[in-house]
Amino acid sequence: MPADTAERNAEVQEMASDKVADLVEYIVCGLVDDEDAVSMDVTDGEDGSLIEVTCAEADTGRIIGRRGRTIKAIRTLARALGQRVGTSVEVEVLG
């Protein structure tokens, strides 16, 4: 594969994971009390992207939800958008 094609594929992969990260950030910021404490760390790998959400310790429970239902819904939405834009995505919450 030529270098130009590889670079273009890497840029498309980054843009795809950024779209998913924007969605996750939008949802998380709507759930928490302290939006300023929310930060996202996106790690792109060969097999997909990892989005780590860091928030205030008091807001961790809001993101996870009862029996993990909220984070499961967030992961489902992130994976659906990731599949649509051509990347696999995992979402993790760090308190």
N, C-alpha and C. Protein backbone atom coordinates (compact mmCIF):
# COMPACT_ATOMS: atom_id res chain seq x y z
N MET A 1 0.85 -1.17 0.00
CA MET A 1 0.00 0.00 0.00
C MET A 1 0.89 1.24 0.00
N PRO A 2 0.66 2.18 -0.90
CA PRO A 2 1.47 3.40 -0.94
C PRO A 2 1.32 4.20 0.35
N ALA A 3 2.33 5.00 0.64
CA ALA A 3 2.34 5.78 1.88
C ALA A 3 1.18 6.76 1.93
N ASP A 4 0.83 7.38 0.79
CA ASP A 4 -0.28 8.33 0.77
C ASP A 4 -1.59 7.66 1.17
N THR A 5 -1.82 6.47 0.67
CA THR A 5 -3.04 5.74 0.98
C THR A 5 -3.08 5.38 2.46
N ALA A 6 -1.97 4.95 3.02
CA ALA A 6 -1.90 4.60 4.44
C ALA A 6 -2.17 5.83 5.30
N GLU A 7 -1.61 6.97 4.90
CA GLU A 7 -1.84 8.20 5.67
C GLU A 7 -3.30 8.62 5.60
N ARG A 8 -3.90 8.50 4.42
CA ARG A 8 -5.31 8.85 4.27
C ARG A 8 -6.19 7.94 5.12
N ASN A 9 -5.90 6.64 5.14
CA ASN A 9 -6.66 5.70 5.95
C ASN A 9 -6.53 6.03 7.43
N ALA A 10 -5.33 6.43 7.87
CA ALA A 10 -5.12 6.80 9.27
C ALA A 10 -5.92 8.05 9.62
N GLU A 11 -5.97 9.02 8.69
CA GLU A 11 -6.74 10.23 8.94
C GLU A 11 -8.22 9.93 9.02
N VAL A 12 -8.73 9.07 8.15
CA VAL A 12 -10.14 8.70 8.17
C VAL A 12 -10.46 7.99 9.48
N GLN A 13 -9.57 7.11 9.93
CA GLN A 13 -9.76 6.39 11.19
C GLN A 13 -9.83 7.37 12.35
N GLU A 14 -8.95 8.38 12.36
CA GLU A 14 -8.95 9.37 13.44
C GLU A 14 -10.24 10.18 13.42
N MET A 15 -10.67 10.59 12.25
CA MET A 15 -11.89 11.37 12.15
C MET A 15 -13.09 10.54 12.61
N ALA A 16 -13.10 9.25 12.27
CA ALA A 16 -14.20 8.39 12.68
C ALA A 16 -14.26 8.26 14.19
N SER A 17 -13.13 8.04 14.83
CA SER A 17 -13.12 7.91 16.28
C SER A 17 -13.45 9.24 16.95
N ASP A 18 -13.07 10.35 16.31
CA ASP A 18 -13.42 11.67 16.87
C ASP A 18 -14.92 11.89 16.84
N LYS A 19 -15.60 11.43 15.80
CA LYS A 19 -17.06 11.56 15.73
C LYS A 19 -17.72 10.79 16.87
N VAL A 20 -17.24 9.59 17.11
CA VAL A 20 -17.80 8.77 18.18
C VAL A 20 -17.50 9.40 19.53
N ALA A 21 -16.29 9.92 19.70
CA ALA A 21 -15.91 10.57 20.96
C ALA A 21 -16.79 11.80 21.21
N ASP A 22 -17.11 12.55 20.15
CA ASP A 22 -17.98 13.71 20.30
C ASP A 22 -19.37 13.29 20.79
N LEU A 23 -19.89 12.19 20.25
CA LEU A 23 -21.19 11.68 20.69
C LEU A 23 -21.15 11.28 22.16
N VAL A 24 -20.12 10.54 22.54
CA VAL A 24 -19.99 10.09 23.93
C VAL A 24 -19.87 11.29 24.86
N GLU A 25 -19.08 12.28 24.47
CA GLU A 25 -18.91 13.48 25.30
C GLU A 25 -20.24 14.22 25.45
N TYR A 26 -21.00 14.33 24.39
CA TYR A 26 -22.29 15.01 24.43
C TYR A 26 -23.23 14.31 25.42
N ILE A 27 -23.29 12.99 25.35
CA ILE A 27 -24.17 12.23 26.23
C ILE A 27 -23.71 12.35 27.68
N VAL A 28 -22.42 12.16 27.91
CA VAL A 28 -21.87 12.19 29.28
C VAL A 28 -22.07 13.57 29.91
N CYS A 29 -21.80 14.62 29.15
CA CYS A 29 -21.95 15.98 29.70
C CYS A 29 -23.40 16.28 30.06
N GLY A 30 -24.35 15.64 29.39
CA GLY A 30 -25.75 15.80 29.74
C GLY A 30 -26.14 15.08 31.01
N LEU A 31 -25.34 14.12 31.42
CA LEU A 31 -25.66 13.33 32.61
C LEU A 31 -25.04 13.85 33.90
N VAL A 32 -23.88 14.48 33.81
CA VAL A 32 -23.10 14.83 35.00
C VAL A 32 -23.45 16.21 35.53
N ASP A 33 -23.10 16.45 36.79
CA ASP A 33 -23.27 17.77 37.40
C ASP A 33 -22.10 18.68 37.08
N ASP A 34 -20.88 18.13 37.08
CA ASP A 34 -19.67 18.92 36.86
C ASP A 34 -19.10 18.64 35.47
N GLU A 35 -19.58 19.39 34.46
CA GLU A 35 -19.13 19.17 33.08
C GLU A 35 -17.66 19.50 32.89
N ASP A 36 -17.14 20.42 33.70
CA ASP A 36 -15.73 20.81 33.56
C ASP A 36 -14.77 19.68 33.94
N ALA A 37 -15.23 18.74 34.74
CA ALA A 37 -14.38 17.64 35.17
C ALA A 37 -14.34 16.50 34.15
N VAL A 38 -15.18 16.57 33.12
CA VAL A 38 -15.23 15.50 32.12
C VAL A 38 -14.09 15.68 31.12
N SER A 39 -13.34 14.62 30.90
CA SER A 39 -12.32 14.62 29.87
C SER A 39 -12.33 13.28 29.15
N MET A 40 -11.92 13.33 27.89
CA MET A 40 -11.94 12.14 27.06
C MET A 40 -10.52 11.86 26.57
N ASP A 41 -10.15 10.60 26.58
CA ASP A 41 -8.86 10.19 26.03
C ASP A 41 -9.14 9.13 24.98
N VAL A 42 -8.87 9.44 23.72
CA VAL A 42 -9.14 8.53 22.61
C VAL A 42 -7.82 7.89 22.17
N THR A 43 -7.77 6.57 22.21
CA THR A 43 -6.60 5.83 21.77
C THR A 43 -6.99 5.00 20.55
N ASP A 44 -6.38 5.31 19.41
CA ASP A 44 -6.65 4.57 18.19
C ASP A 44 -5.64 3.46 18.04
N GLY A 45 -6.13 2.27 17.75
CA GLY A 45 -5.27 1.12 17.52
C GLY A 45 -5.64 0.46 16.20
N GLU A 46 -4.92 -0.60 15.87
CA GLU A 46 -5.19 -1.31 14.62
C GLU A 46 -6.56 -1.98 14.63
N ASP A 47 -6.97 -2.47 15.78
CA ASP A 47 -8.24 -3.20 15.87
C ASP A 47 -9.42 -2.31 16.28
N GLY A 48 -9.21 -1.02 16.48
CA GLY A 48 -10.30 -0.12 16.82
C GLY A 48 -9.83 0.99 17.73
N SER A 49 -10.80 1.64 18.36
CA SER A 49 -10.50 2.79 19.21
C SER A 49 -11.01 2.53 20.63
N LEU A 50 -10.29 3.09 21.59
CA LEU A 50 -10.69 3.04 22.99
C LEU A 50 -10.94 4.47 23.45
N ILE A 51 -12.12 4.71 23.98
CA ILE A 51 -12.47 6.02 24.50
C ILE A 51 -12.57 5.88 26.02
N GLU A 52 -11.68 6.58 26.73
CA GLU A 52 -11.70 6.56 28.19
C GLU A 52 -12.29 7.88 28.68
N VAL A 53 -13.36 7.77 29.45
CA VAL A 53 -14.04 8.94 29.97
C VAL A 53 -13.62 9.11 31.42
N THR A 54 -13.10 10.28 31.75
CA THR A 54 -12.73 10.60 33.12
C THR A 54 -13.69 11.70 33.60
N CYS A 55 -14.20 11.53 34.82
CA CYS A 55 -15.14 12.51 35.36
C CYS A 55 -14.93 12.62 36.87
N ALA A 56 -15.70 13.53 37.47
CA ALA A 56 -15.65 13.68 38.92
C ALA A 56 -16.14 12.38 39.56
N GLU A 57 -15.55 12.04 40.69
CA GLU A 57 -15.89 10.78 41.34
C GLU A 57 -17.38 10.69 41.68
N ALA A 58 -17.98 11.83 42.03
CA ALA A 58 -19.40 11.84 42.38
C ALA A 58 -20.29 11.57 41.17
N ASP A 59 -19.79 11.83 39.98
CA ASP A 59 -20.59 11.65 38.76
C ASP A 59 -20.40 10.28 38.12
N THR A 60 -19.47 9.50 38.59
CA THR A 60 -19.21 8.18 38.01
C THR A 60 -20.45 7.30 38.04
N GLY A 61 -21.15 7.32 39.16
CA GLY A 61 -22.37 6.52 39.30
C GLY A 61 -23.45 6.92 38.33
N ARG A 62 -23.53 8.21 38.02
CA ARG A 62 -24.53 8.68 37.06
C ARG A 62 -24.23 8.14 35.66
N ILE A 63 -22.96 8.07 35.30
CA ILE A 63 -22.59 7.57 33.97
C ILE A 63 -22.81 6.07 33.89
N ILE A 64 -22.48 5.36 34.95
CA ILE A 64 -22.63 3.91 34.95
C ILE A 64 -24.10 3.51 35.05
N GLY A 65 -24.85 4.18 35.93
CA GLY A 65 -26.27 3.90 36.07
C GLY A 65 -26.54 2.66 36.91
N ARG A 66 -27.80 2.47 37.19
CA ARG A 66 -28.19 1.29 37.97
C ARG A 66 -27.94 0.02 37.17
N ARG A 67 -27.22 -0.89 37.80
CA ARG A 67 -26.86 -2.17 37.18
C ARG A 67 -26.13 -1.99 35.85
N GLY A 68 -25.49 -0.82 35.67
CA GLY A 68 -24.71 -0.59 34.47
C GLY A 68 -25.52 -0.31 33.22
N ARG A 69 -26.78 0.00 33.38
CA ARG A 69 -27.65 0.19 32.21
C ARG A 69 -27.26 1.42 31.40
N THR A 70 -26.89 2.52 32.06
CA THR A 70 -26.57 3.74 31.33
C THR A 70 -25.30 3.57 30.51
N ILE A 71 -24.24 3.03 31.09
CA ILE A 71 -23.00 2.86 30.34
C ILE A 71 -23.20 1.83 29.22
N LYS A 72 -24.04 0.85 29.46
CA LYS A 72 -24.33 -0.13 28.42
C LYS A 72 -25.01 0.55 27.23
N ALA A 73 -25.94 1.46 27.50
CA ALA A 73 -26.61 2.20 26.43
C ALA A 73 -25.63 3.11 25.69
N ILE A 74 -24.74 3.77 26.44
CA ILE A 74 -23.73 4.63 25.82
C ILE A 74 -22.82 3.80 24.92
N ARG A 75 -22.41 2.63 25.41
CA ARG A 75 -21.54 1.75 24.60
C ARG A 75 -22.26 1.28 23.34
N THR A 76 -23.55 0.96 23.46
CA THR A 76 -24.33 0.52 22.31
C THR A 76 -24.40 1.61 21.24
N LEU A 77 -24.67 2.84 21.67
CA LEU A 77 -24.72 3.96 20.73
C LEU A 77 -23.35 4.21 20.10
N ALA A 78 -22.30 4.16 20.91
CA ALA A 78 -20.94 4.39 20.40
C ALA A 78 -20.56 3.31 19.38
N ARG A 79 -20.88 2.06 19.68
CA ARG A 79 -20.54 0.98 18.75
C ARG A 79 -21.35 1.10 17.46
N ALA A 80 -22.62 1.50 17.57
CA ALA A 80 -23.45 1.66 16.38
C ALA A 80 -22.91 2.76 15.48
N LEU A 81 -22.54 3.90 16.05
CA LEU A 81 -21.96 4.98 15.26
C LEU A 81 -20.60 4.56 14.72
N GLY A 82 -19.81 3.88 15.54
CA GLY A 82 -18.51 3.41 15.09
C GLY A 82 -18.62 2.48 13.89
N GLN A 83 -19.60 1.59 13.94
CA GLN A 83 -19.81 0.67 12.83
C GLN A 83 -20.23 1.44 11.58
N ARG A 84 -21.03 2.46 11.78
CA ARG A 84 -21.50 3.26 10.65
C ARG A 84 -20.37 4.05 9.98
N VAL A 85 -19.41 4.52 10.78
CA VAL A 85 -18.29 5.28 10.21
C VAL A 85 -17.07 4.42 9.94
N GLY A 86 -17.16 3.12 10.23
CA GLY A 86 -16.11 2.19 9.84
C GLY A 86 -15.02 1.92 10.84
N THR A 87 -15.34 1.95 12.13
CA THR A 87 -14.35 1.61 13.15
C THR A 87 -15.03 0.91 14.31
N SER A 88 -14.28 0.09 15.04
CA SER A 88 -14.84 -0.52 16.24
C SER A 88 -14.43 0.34 17.44
N VAL A 89 -15.31 0.41 18.43
CA VAL A 89 -15.12 1.33 19.53
C VAL A 89 -15.41 0.64 20.86
N GLU A 90 -14.60 0.93 21.86
CA GLU A 90 -14.86 0.53 23.24
C GLU A 90 -14.89 1.77 24.10
N VAL A 91 -15.78 1.82 25.07
CA VAL A 91 -15.89 2.96 25.97
C VAL A 91 -15.66 2.48 27.39
N GLU A 92 -14.77 3.13 28.11
CA GLU A 92 -14.49 2.81 29.51
C GLU A 92 -14.64 4.08 30.35
N VAL A 93 -15.12 3.91 31.58
CA VAL A 93 -15.29 5.05 32.50
C VAL A 93 -14.24 4.93 33.60
N LEU A 94 -13.49 6.01 33.80
CA LEU A 94 -12.51 6.09 34.87
C LEU A 94 -13.02 7.13 35.87
N GLY A 95 -13.19 6.74 37.12
CA GLY A 95 -13.76 7.65 38.12
C GLY A 95 -12.82 8.62 38.70
